[in-house]
């Protein structure tokens, strides 16, 4: 009898956490919007035209897109190793790059894996992006690469209080940004 009750409770919880096709489309759209926001934030943070105070404000906004503990991968054509940094540290390092001009553009942003429900009730998916990085110095130093990156997407049900009522909603957070390959 206890097993039957536990099984029924688990089934009810799983059904409550299922995402309708309409809701899934809205969640997919929100995930893509957050990735596009991240792309804009990275361009602003990396640009040498951005004032220090503005870059720090954008770092705060960009960090809010991520799940706690998320890491960003950094690669280079001059080494095989990919180095991973906590998100905020990555943004600080990006802001401090030793170039006089930095251009970072993301393109071909697309889902490569559909959202899959995990045992904890969250959904996880992956979005792939290509990043074109160009750094130039006034003394002629120039570096360019294109990096394919996979961004883990977490979708979880949360609650908020609005007008004294508890409301359930689905939220999207970005996870680790993993380097897949770097080319010239």
N, C-alpha and C. Protein backbone atom coordinates (compact mmCIF):
# COMPACT_ATOMS: atom_id res chain seq x y z
N UNK A 1 0.82 -1.19 0.00
CA UNK A 1 0.00 0.00 0.00
C UNK A 1 0.87 1.26 0.00
N UNK A 2 1.93 1.26 0.81
CA UNK A 2 2.83 2.41 0.88
C UNK A 2 3.50 2.63 -0.48
N UNK A 3 3.93 1.54 -1.12
CA UNK A 3 4.56 1.64 -2.44
C UNK A 3 3.59 2.23 -3.45
N UNK A 4 2.33 1.83 -3.38
CA UNK A 4 1.31 2.35 -4.29
C UNK A 4 1.13 3.86 -4.08
N UNK A 5 1.08 4.29 -2.82
CA UNK A 5 0.93 5.72 -2.53
C UNK A 5 2.14 6.52 -3.01
N UNK A 6 3.34 5.98 -2.78
CA UNK A 6 4.56 6.66 -3.23
C UNK A 6 4.58 6.76 -4.75
N UNK A 7 4.22 5.68 -5.42
CA UNK A 7 4.19 5.67 -6.88
C UNK A 7 3.17 6.67 -7.42
N UNK A 8 2.01 6.75 -6.78
CA UNK A 8 0.98 7.70 -7.19
C UNK A 8 1.45 9.13 -6.97
N UNK A 9 2.10 9.41 -5.86
CA UNK A 9 2.61 10.75 -5.57
C UNK A 9 3.69 11.13 -6.59
N UNK A 10 4.58 10.18 -6.94
CA UNK A 10 5.63 10.45 -7.90
C UNK A 10 5.03 10.73 -9.28
N UNK A 11 4.03 9.94 -9.68
CA UNK A 11 3.38 10.14 -10.97
C UNK A 11 2.69 11.50 -11.02
N UNK A 12 2.00 11.88 -9.95
CA UNK A 12 1.33 13.19 -9.90
C UNK A 12 2.35 14.31 -10.01
N UNK A 13 3.49 14.17 -9.32
CA UNK A 13 4.54 15.20 -9.37
C UNK A 13 5.12 15.28 -10.78
N UNK A 14 5.36 14.13 -11.42
CA UNK A 14 5.92 14.13 -12.77
C UNK A 14 4.94 14.79 -13.75
N UNK A 15 3.65 14.49 -13.63
CA UNK A 15 2.66 15.10 -14.52
C UNK A 15 2.59 16.60 -14.30
N UNK A 16 2.71 17.03 -13.05
CA UNK A 16 2.67 18.46 -12.73
C UNK A 16 3.86 19.18 -13.37
N UNK A 17 4.99 18.48 -13.54
CA UNK A 17 6.18 19.09 -14.10
C UNK A 17 6.32 18.89 -15.60
N UNK A 18 5.33 18.27 -16.24
CA UNK A 18 5.39 18.11 -17.69
C UNK A 18 5.13 19.45 -18.35
N UNK A 19 5.75 19.65 -19.50
CA UNK A 19 5.63 20.90 -20.23
C UNK A 19 4.76 20.66 -21.46
N UNK A 20 3.71 21.46 -21.59
CA UNK A 20 2.85 21.35 -22.77
C UNK A 20 3.62 21.82 -24.00
N UNK A 21 3.20 21.39 -25.20
CA UNK A 21 3.89 21.85 -26.42
C UNK A 21 3.91 23.37 -26.57
N UNK A 22 2.82 24.03 -26.18
CA UNK A 22 2.78 25.50 -26.27
C UNK A 22 3.77 26.12 -25.31
N UNK A 23 3.82 25.61 -24.09
CA UNK A 23 4.75 26.11 -23.07
C UNK A 23 6.19 25.84 -23.50
N UNK A 24 6.43 24.68 -24.10
CA UNK A 24 7.78 24.33 -24.56
C UNK A 24 8.26 25.33 -25.62
N UNK A 25 7.38 25.72 -26.54
CA UNK A 25 7.76 26.71 -27.55
C UNK A 25 8.12 28.04 -26.88
N UNK A 26 7.35 28.43 -25.88
CA UNK A 26 7.65 29.67 -25.15
C UNK A 26 8.98 29.56 -24.42
N UNK A 27 9.24 28.41 -23.81
CA UNK A 27 10.50 28.19 -23.09
C UNK A 27 11.68 28.19 -24.07
N UNK A 28 11.52 27.52 -25.22
CA UNK A 28 12.58 27.52 -26.24
C UNK A 28 12.89 28.94 -26.69
N UNK A 29 11.85 29.74 -26.87
CA UNK A 29 12.02 31.13 -27.29
C UNK A 29 12.76 31.93 -26.21
N UNK A 30 12.40 31.71 -24.94
CA UNK A 30 13.07 32.40 -23.84
C UNK A 30 14.54 31.99 -23.75
N UNK A 31 14.83 30.70 -23.94
CA UNK A 31 16.21 30.22 -23.90
C UNK A 31 17.04 30.88 -25.01
N UNK A 32 16.49 30.93 -26.21
CA UNK A 32 17.20 31.56 -27.33
C UNK A 32 17.40 33.06 -27.06
N UNK A 33 16.40 33.70 -26.48
CA UNK A 33 16.51 35.12 -26.14
C UNK A 33 17.63 35.35 -25.12
N UNK A 34 17.73 34.48 -24.12
CA UNK A 34 18.79 34.63 -23.12
C UNK A 34 20.16 34.42 -23.74
N UNK A 35 20.29 33.49 -24.68
CA UNK A 35 21.56 33.27 -25.35
C UNK A 35 21.91 34.49 -26.21
N UNK A 36 20.94 35.06 -26.90
CA UNK A 36 21.19 36.28 -27.69
C UNK A 36 21.58 37.44 -26.76
N UNK A 37 20.93 37.54 -25.59
CA UNK A 37 21.32 38.56 -24.61
C UNK A 37 22.77 38.36 -24.20
N UNK A 38 23.14 37.12 -23.92
CA UNK A 38 24.53 36.82 -23.54
C UNK A 38 25.49 37.25 -24.64
N UNK A 39 25.14 36.99 -25.87
CA UNK A 39 25.97 37.40 -26.99
C UNK A 39 26.19 38.92 -26.99
N UNK A 40 25.12 39.67 -26.80
CA UNK A 40 25.24 41.15 -26.75
C UNK A 40 26.10 41.58 -25.56
N UNK A 41 25.86 40.96 -24.41
CA UNK A 41 26.63 41.33 -23.22
C UNK A 41 28.12 41.06 -23.42
N UNK A 42 28.46 39.93 -24.02
CA UNK A 42 29.87 39.61 -24.26
C UNK A 42 30.51 40.63 -25.19
N UNK A 43 29.78 41.04 -26.22
CA UNK A 43 30.30 42.07 -27.14
C UNK A 43 30.55 43.38 -26.42
N UNK A 44 29.63 43.76 -25.55
CA UNK A 44 29.77 45.02 -24.81
C UNK A 44 30.93 44.94 -23.82
N UNK A 45 31.00 43.85 -23.07
CA UNK A 45 32.07 43.69 -22.06
C UNK A 45 33.44 43.66 -22.72
N UNK A 46 33.56 42.98 -23.85
CA UNK A 46 34.85 42.84 -24.53
C UNK A 46 35.28 44.08 -25.28
N UNK A 47 34.34 44.95 -25.65
CA UNK A 47 34.67 46.13 -26.44
C UNK A 47 35.50 47.12 -25.63
N UNK A 48 36.56 47.61 -26.24
CA UNK A 48 37.40 48.61 -25.58
C UNK A 48 36.74 49.99 -25.58
N UNK A 49 35.63 50.14 -26.31
CA UNK A 49 34.88 51.40 -26.31
C UNK A 49 33.93 51.51 -25.12
N UNK A 50 33.73 50.41 -24.40
CA UNK A 50 32.80 50.40 -23.28
C UNK A 50 33.48 50.95 -22.04
N UNK A 51 32.84 51.92 -21.39
CA UNK A 51 33.37 52.49 -20.16
C UNK A 51 33.41 51.43 -19.06
N UNK A 52 34.36 51.56 -18.14
CA UNK A 52 34.56 50.59 -17.05
C UNK A 52 33.28 50.38 -16.24
N UNK A 53 32.62 51.47 -15.86
CA UNK A 53 31.41 51.37 -15.03
C UNK A 53 30.28 50.66 -15.79
N UNK A 54 30.15 50.94 -17.08
CA UNK A 54 29.13 50.29 -17.89
C UNK A 54 29.45 48.80 -18.05
N UNK A 55 30.70 48.46 -18.28
CA UNK A 55 31.10 47.06 -18.41
C UNK A 55 30.78 46.29 -17.12
N UNK A 56 31.04 46.90 -15.97
CA UNK A 56 30.73 46.23 -14.69
C UNK A 56 29.22 46.05 -14.50
N UNK A 57 28.43 47.03 -14.93
CA UNK A 57 26.97 46.89 -14.86
C UNK A 57 26.50 45.75 -15.76
N UNK A 58 27.08 45.64 -16.95
CA UNK A 58 26.71 44.59 -17.89
C UNK A 58 27.17 43.22 -17.36
N UNK A 59 28.31 43.18 -16.71
CA UNK A 59 28.77 41.92 -16.10
C UNK A 59 27.75 41.43 -15.08
N UNK A 60 27.22 42.34 -14.27
CA UNK A 60 26.19 41.95 -13.30
C UNK A 60 24.97 41.38 -14.01
N UNK A 61 24.53 42.02 -15.07
CA UNK A 61 23.36 41.54 -15.83
C UNK A 61 23.64 40.19 -16.47
N UNK A 62 24.82 40.04 -17.06
CA UNK A 62 25.17 38.79 -17.73
C UNK A 62 25.26 37.64 -16.74
N UNK A 63 25.81 37.89 -15.57
CA UNK A 63 25.95 36.86 -14.55
C UNK A 63 24.59 36.34 -14.10
N UNK A 64 23.58 37.20 -14.10
CA UNK A 64 22.23 36.79 -13.69
C UNK A 64 21.60 35.77 -14.63
N UNK A 65 22.12 35.64 -15.83
CA UNK A 65 21.58 34.67 -16.80
C UNK A 65 21.94 33.23 -16.44
N UNK A 66 22.95 33.05 -15.57
CA UNK A 66 23.54 31.74 -15.33
C UNK A 66 23.10 31.09 -14.03
N UNK A 67 23.11 29.76 -14.06
CA UNK A 67 22.91 28.97 -12.85
C UNK A 67 24.17 29.11 -11.98
N UNK A 68 24.02 28.99 -10.66
CA UNK A 68 25.20 29.07 -9.78
C UNK A 68 26.24 28.02 -10.17
N UNK A 69 27.51 28.44 -10.14
CA UNK A 69 28.61 27.52 -10.42
C UNK A 69 28.91 27.30 -11.89
N UNK A 70 28.19 27.97 -12.79
CA UNK A 70 28.42 27.77 -14.23
C UNK A 70 29.80 28.28 -14.62
N UNK A 71 30.37 27.63 -15.62
CA UNK A 71 31.71 27.96 -16.10
C UNK A 71 31.68 28.25 -17.60
N UNK A 72 32.64 29.08 -18.02
CA UNK A 72 32.81 29.41 -19.44
C UNK A 72 34.17 28.91 -19.89
N UNK A 73 34.19 28.23 -21.03
CA UNK A 73 35.44 27.73 -21.60
C UNK A 73 36.12 28.76 -22.46
N UNK A 74 37.45 28.79 -22.39
CA UNK A 74 38.27 29.70 -23.18
C UNK A 74 39.30 28.85 -23.92
N UNK A 75 39.40 29.07 -25.22
CA UNK A 75 40.35 28.32 -26.04
C UNK A 75 41.20 29.29 -26.85
N UNK A 76 42.23 28.74 -27.47
CA UNK A 76 43.13 29.54 -28.30
C UNK A 76 43.72 28.63 -29.36
N UNK A 77 44.03 29.20 -30.50
CA UNK A 77 44.69 28.44 -31.56
C UNK A 77 46.10 28.03 -31.15
N UNK A 78 46.69 28.73 -30.19
CA UNK A 78 48.07 28.47 -29.80
C UNK A 78 48.22 27.38 -28.74
N UNK A 79 47.11 26.80 -28.25
CA UNK A 79 47.20 25.73 -27.27
C UNK A 79 46.03 24.76 -27.46
N UNK A 80 46.26 23.51 -27.09
CA UNK A 80 45.22 22.49 -27.21
C UNK A 80 44.26 22.51 -26.03
N UNK A 81 44.73 22.98 -24.89
CA UNK A 81 43.96 22.95 -23.65
C UNK A 81 42.87 24.02 -23.65
N UNK A 82 41.69 23.64 -23.14
CA UNK A 82 40.61 24.59 -22.89
C UNK A 82 40.62 24.90 -21.41
N UNK A 83 40.58 26.19 -21.07
CA UNK A 83 40.59 26.61 -19.67
C UNK A 83 39.18 27.08 -19.32
N UNK A 84 38.69 26.63 -18.16
CA UNK A 84 37.35 27.00 -17.72
C UNK A 84 37.42 27.94 -16.54
N UNK A 85 36.60 28.99 -16.59
CA UNK A 85 36.53 29.99 -15.53
C UNK A 85 35.09 30.11 -15.03
N UNK A 86 34.95 30.43 -13.74
CA UNK A 86 33.63 30.79 -13.24
C UNK A 86 33.15 31.99 -14.07
N UNK A 87 31.85 32.10 -14.25
CA UNK A 87 31.27 33.09 -15.16
C UNK A 87 31.76 34.50 -14.89
N UNK A 88 31.67 34.96 -13.65
CA UNK A 88 32.07 36.34 -13.33
C UNK A 88 33.56 36.56 -13.63
N UNK A 89 34.40 35.59 -13.28
CA UNK A 89 35.82 35.71 -13.56
C UNK A 89 36.08 35.79 -15.06
N UNK A 90 35.35 34.97 -15.84
CA UNK A 90 35.47 35.01 -17.29
C UNK A 90 35.19 36.43 -17.81
N UNK A 91 34.09 37.04 -17.34
CA UNK A 91 33.73 38.38 -17.80
C UNK A 91 34.79 39.41 -17.41
N UNK A 92 35.33 39.31 -16.21
CA UNK A 92 36.38 40.24 -15.77
C UNK A 92 37.63 40.10 -16.65
N UNK A 93 37.99 38.86 -16.97
CA UNK A 93 39.15 38.62 -17.82
C UNK A 93 38.90 39.13 -19.24
N UNK A 94 37.67 38.96 -19.73
CA UNK A 94 37.30 39.44 -21.05
C UNK A 94 37.44 40.97 -21.11
N UNK A 95 36.99 41.63 -20.07
CA UNK A 95 37.06 43.09 -20.01
C UNK A 95 38.52 43.57 -20.01
N UNK A 96 39.43 42.76 -19.46
CA UNK A 96 40.82 43.18 -19.30
C UNK A 96 41.75 42.68 -20.42
N UNK A 97 41.20 42.11 -21.49
CA UNK A 97 42.06 41.61 -22.57
C UNK A 97 43.00 42.70 -23.06
N UNK A 98 44.23 42.30 -23.41
CA UNK A 98 45.28 43.25 -23.76
C UNK A 98 45.30 43.54 -25.27
N UNK A 99 44.17 44.00 -25.78
CA UNK A 99 44.07 44.45 -27.16
C UNK A 99 43.53 45.88 -27.15
N UNK A 100 43.79 46.62 -28.23
CA UNK A 100 43.24 47.97 -28.35
C UNK A 100 41.83 47.95 -28.94
N UNK A 101 41.53 46.87 -29.67
CA UNK A 101 40.19 46.72 -30.23
C UNK A 101 39.82 45.24 -30.19
N UNK A 102 38.61 44.96 -29.71
CA UNK A 102 38.11 43.60 -29.62
C UNK A 102 36.71 43.55 -30.23
N UNK A 103 36.51 42.63 -31.15
CA UNK A 103 35.19 42.40 -31.74
C UNK A 103 34.82 40.94 -31.52
N UNK A 104 33.65 40.72 -30.92
CA UNK A 104 33.16 39.36 -30.67
C UNK A 104 31.75 39.28 -31.22
N UNK A 105 31.55 38.34 -32.10
CA UNK A 105 30.23 38.16 -32.71
C UNK A 105 29.83 36.69 -32.61
N UNK A 106 28.57 36.43 -32.24
CA UNK A 106 28.02 35.08 -32.23
C UNK A 106 27.12 34.92 -33.44
N UNK A 107 27.13 33.73 -34.03
CA UNK A 107 26.27 33.46 -35.17
C UNK A 107 25.86 31.99 -35.17
N UNK A 108 24.90 31.66 -36.02
CA UNK A 108 24.39 30.30 -36.18
C UNK A 108 24.00 29.68 -34.84
N UNK A 109 23.18 30.42 -34.09
CA UNK A 109 22.72 29.97 -32.77
C UNK A 109 21.55 29.01 -32.99
N UNK A 110 21.66 27.78 -32.44
CA UNK A 110 20.59 26.80 -32.65
C UNK A 110 20.58 25.73 -31.57
N UNK A 111 19.37 25.21 -31.32
CA UNK A 111 19.24 24.06 -30.41
C UNK A 111 19.86 22.85 -31.08
N UNK A 112 20.66 22.09 -30.33
CA UNK A 112 21.15 20.83 -30.88
C UNK A 112 20.57 19.63 -30.14
N UNK A 113 19.98 19.87 -28.98
CA UNK A 113 19.30 18.78 -28.28
C UNK A 113 18.01 19.31 -27.69
N UNK A 114 16.95 18.52 -27.81
CA UNK A 114 15.66 18.90 -27.27
C UNK A 114 15.73 18.84 -25.75
N UNK A 115 14.81 19.54 -25.10
CA UNK A 115 14.77 19.52 -23.64
C UNK A 115 14.40 18.12 -23.16
N UNK A 116 15.18 17.62 -22.20
CA UNK A 116 14.91 16.30 -21.60
C UNK A 116 14.73 16.47 -20.11
N UNK A 117 13.67 15.84 -19.59
CA UNK A 117 13.41 15.95 -18.16
C UNK A 117 14.39 15.09 -17.38
N UNK A 118 14.91 15.65 -16.28
CA UNK A 118 15.85 14.97 -15.41
C UNK A 118 15.10 14.40 -14.20
N UNK A 119 15.71 13.48 -13.46
CA UNK A 119 15.04 12.90 -12.28
C UNK A 119 14.62 13.94 -11.24
N UNK A 120 15.33 15.08 -11.17
CA UNK A 120 14.99 16.12 -10.19
C UNK A 120 13.85 17.03 -10.66
N UNK A 121 13.28 16.76 -11.85
CA UNK A 121 12.17 17.56 -12.36
C UNK A 121 12.57 18.67 -13.30
N UNK A 122 13.87 19.03 -13.30
CA UNK A 122 14.34 20.06 -14.23
C UNK A 122 14.43 19.47 -15.63
N UNK A 123 14.44 20.36 -16.60
CA UNK A 123 14.69 19.97 -17.98
C UNK A 123 16.05 20.53 -18.38
N UNK A 124 16.75 19.78 -19.22
CA UNK A 124 18.07 20.20 -19.68
C UNK A 124 18.13 20.07 -21.19
N UNK A 125 18.73 21.07 -21.84
CA UNK A 125 18.95 21.04 -23.28
C UNK A 125 20.29 21.68 -23.59
N UNK A 126 20.64 21.71 -24.87
CA UNK A 126 21.92 22.31 -25.29
C UNK A 126 21.67 23.18 -26.53
N UNK A 127 22.23 24.38 -26.47
CA UNK A 127 22.21 25.30 -27.61
C UNK A 127 23.66 25.46 -28.08
N UNK A 128 23.87 25.38 -29.38
CA UNK A 128 25.20 25.57 -29.95
C UNK A 128 25.29 26.95 -30.58
N UNK A 129 26.44 27.57 -30.41
CA UNK A 129 26.72 28.87 -31.04
C UNK A 129 28.13 28.82 -31.64
N UNK A 130 28.34 29.67 -32.60
CA UNK A 130 29.68 29.89 -33.14
C UNK A 130 30.07 31.31 -32.76
N UNK A 131 31.28 31.46 -32.24
CA UNK A 131 31.78 32.78 -31.82
C UNK A 131 32.98 33.15 -32.67
N UNK A 132 32.91 34.33 -33.28
CA UNK A 132 34.05 34.88 -34.02
C UNK A 132 34.70 35.93 -33.15
N UNK A 133 35.97 35.70 -32.80
CA UNK A 133 36.73 36.63 -31.96
C UNK A 133 37.82 37.27 -32.80
N UNK A 134 37.93 38.60 -32.70
CA UNK A 134 39.02 39.33 -33.34
C UNK A 134 39.58 40.34 -32.35
N UNK A 135 40.88 40.25 -32.09
CA UNK A 135 41.57 41.20 -31.24
C UNK A 135 42.70 41.86 -32.01
N UNK A 136 42.78 43.19 -31.92
CA UNK A 136 43.82 43.93 -32.63
C UNK A 136 44.47 44.94 -31.69
N UNK A 137 45.78 45.09 -31.87
CA UNK A 137 46.52 46.10 -31.12
C UNK A 137 47.06 47.14 -32.08
N UNK A 138 47.27 48.34 -31.57
CA UNK A 138 47.78 49.43 -32.41
C UNK A 138 49.16 49.13 -32.97
N UNK A 139 49.91 48.24 -32.32
CA UNK A 139 51.25 47.91 -32.80
C UNK A 139 51.24 46.80 -33.86
N UNK A 140 50.04 46.43 -34.32
CA UNK A 140 49.95 45.45 -35.40
C UNK A 140 49.62 44.03 -34.96
N UNK A 141 49.64 43.77 -33.67
CA UNK A 141 49.29 42.44 -33.17
C UNK A 141 47.83 42.16 -33.50
N UNK A 142 47.59 40.97 -34.07
CA UNK A 142 46.23 40.62 -34.44
C UNK A 142 46.00 39.13 -34.16
N UNK A 143 44.81 38.82 -33.63
CA UNK A 143 44.43 37.43 -33.36
C UNK A 143 42.98 37.26 -33.78
N UNK A 144 42.70 36.14 -34.49
CA UNK A 144 41.34 35.81 -34.90
C UNK A 144 41.12 34.32 -34.71
N UNK A 145 39.91 33.98 -34.26
CA UNK A 145 39.52 32.57 -34.26
C UNK A 145 38.00 32.47 -34.29
N UNK A 146 37.53 31.28 -34.62
CA UNK A 146 36.11 30.95 -34.57
C UNK A 146 35.98 29.73 -33.68
N UNK A 147 35.11 29.82 -32.69
CA UNK A 147 34.94 28.74 -31.72
C UNK A 147 33.50 28.28 -31.69
N UNK A 148 33.35 26.97 -31.78
CA UNK A 148 32.02 26.36 -31.62
C UNK A 148 31.85 26.07 -30.14
N UNK A 149 30.71 26.53 -29.57
CA UNK A 149 30.47 26.36 -28.14
C UNK A 149 29.10 25.74 -27.91
N UNK A 150 29.01 24.87 -26.92
CA UNK A 150 27.75 24.28 -26.49
C UNK A 150 27.37 24.90 -25.14
N UNK A 151 26.15 25.42 -25.07
CA UNK A 151 25.65 26.05 -23.85
C UNK A 151 24.56 25.16 -23.26
N UNK A 152 24.76 24.70 -22.04
CA UNK A 152 23.74 23.91 -21.35
C UNK A 152 22.62 24.84 -20.90
N UNK A 153 21.39 24.41 -21.11
CA UNK A 153 20.20 25.18 -20.74
C UNK A 153 19.46 24.41 -19.66
N UNK A 154 19.15 25.06 -18.54
CA UNK A 154 18.36 24.46 -17.47
C UNK A 154 16.99 25.14 -17.42
N UNK A 155 15.94 24.33 -17.37
CA UNK A 155 14.59 24.85 -17.26
C UNK A 155 13.99 24.23 -15.99
N UNK A 156 13.56 25.09 -15.08
CA UNK A 156 13.00 24.57 -13.83
C UNK A 156 11.79 25.38 -13.41
N UNK A 157 10.90 24.69 -12.71
CA UNK A 157 9.69 25.34 -12.22
C UNK A 157 10.04 26.09 -10.94
N UNK A 158 9.59 27.34 -10.87
CA UNK A 158 9.82 28.16 -9.69
C UNK A 158 8.49 28.76 -9.25
N UNK A 159 8.51 29.36 -8.07
CA UNK A 159 7.32 30.02 -7.54
C UNK A 159 7.67 31.46 -7.20
N UNK A 160 6.67 32.32 -7.38
CA UNK A 160 6.82 33.70 -6.97
C UNK A 160 5.48 34.16 -6.40
N UNK A 161 5.54 35.17 -5.59
CA UNK A 161 4.31 35.70 -4.99
C UNK A 161 3.92 36.97 -5.71
N UNK A 162 2.69 36.98 -6.23
CA UNK A 162 2.16 38.15 -6.92
C UNK A 162 0.79 38.45 -6.32
N UNK A 163 0.66 39.63 -5.75
CA UNK A 163 -0.62 40.02 -5.16
C UNK A 163 -1.09 39.08 -4.07
N UNK A 164 -0.16 38.53 -3.31
CA UNK A 164 -0.52 37.63 -2.21
C UNK A 164 -0.77 36.20 -2.63
N UNK A 165 -0.68 35.91 -3.94
CA UNK A 165 -0.89 34.54 -4.42
C UNK A 165 0.43 33.96 -4.90
N UNK A 166 0.63 32.67 -4.64
CA UNK A 166 1.81 31.97 -5.14
C UNK A 166 1.53 31.53 -6.57
N UNK A 167 2.43 31.89 -7.47
CA UNK A 167 2.29 31.57 -8.89
C UNK A 167 3.48 30.72 -9.32
N UNK A 168 3.20 29.60 -10.02
CA UNK A 168 4.26 28.77 -10.60
C UNK A 168 4.65 29.35 -11.95
N UNK A 169 5.96 29.28 -12.27
CA UNK A 169 6.42 29.68 -13.60
C UNK A 169 7.67 28.88 -13.94
N UNK A 170 7.94 28.74 -15.24
CA UNK A 170 9.13 28.05 -15.72
C UNK A 170 10.21 29.10 -15.97
N UNK A 171 11.41 28.86 -15.45
CA UNK A 171 12.52 29.77 -15.65
C UNK A 171 13.63 29.06 -16.41
N UNK A 172 14.36 29.83 -17.18
CA UNK A 172 15.49 29.31 -17.96
C UNK A 172 16.77 29.92 -17.41
N UNK A 173 17.74 29.07 -17.11
CA UNK A 173 19.07 29.52 -16.70
C UNK A 173 20.10 28.88 -17.61
N UNK A 174 21.16 29.61 -17.88
CA UNK A 174 22.26 29.06 -18.67
C UNK A 174 23.22 28.33 -17.74
N UNK A 175 23.77 27.25 -18.24
CA UNK A 175 24.76 26.48 -17.49
C UNK A 175 26.13 26.67 -18.10
N UNK A 176 26.94 25.63 -18.03
CA UNK A 176 28.30 25.69 -18.56
C UNK A 176 28.31 25.99 -20.06
N UNK A 177 29.32 26.75 -20.47
CA UNK A 177 29.55 27.03 -21.88
C UNK A 177 30.83 26.28 -22.23
N UNK A 178 30.68 25.16 -22.95
CA UNK A 178 31.79 24.27 -23.26
C UNK A 178 32.32 24.51 -24.67
N UNK A 179 33.63 24.55 -24.80
CA UNK A 179 34.27 24.70 -26.11
C UNK A 179 34.25 23.34 -26.80
N UNK A 180 33.72 23.33 -28.02
CA UNK A 180 33.71 22.11 -28.83
C UNK A 180 34.92 22.07 -29.75
N UNK A 181 35.16 23.17 -30.47
CA UNK A 181 36.35 23.25 -31.33
C UNK A 181 36.67 24.70 -31.63
N UNK A 182 37.95 24.96 -31.91
CA UNK A 182 38.42 26.30 -32.26
C UNK A 182 39.21 26.21 -33.55
N UNK A 183 38.84 27.07 -34.51
CA UNK A 183 39.52 27.08 -35.80
C UNK A 183 39.91 28.51 -36.17
N UNK A 184 40.77 28.63 -37.17
CA UNK A 184 41.20 29.98 -37.59
C UNK A 184 40.19 30.63 -38.51
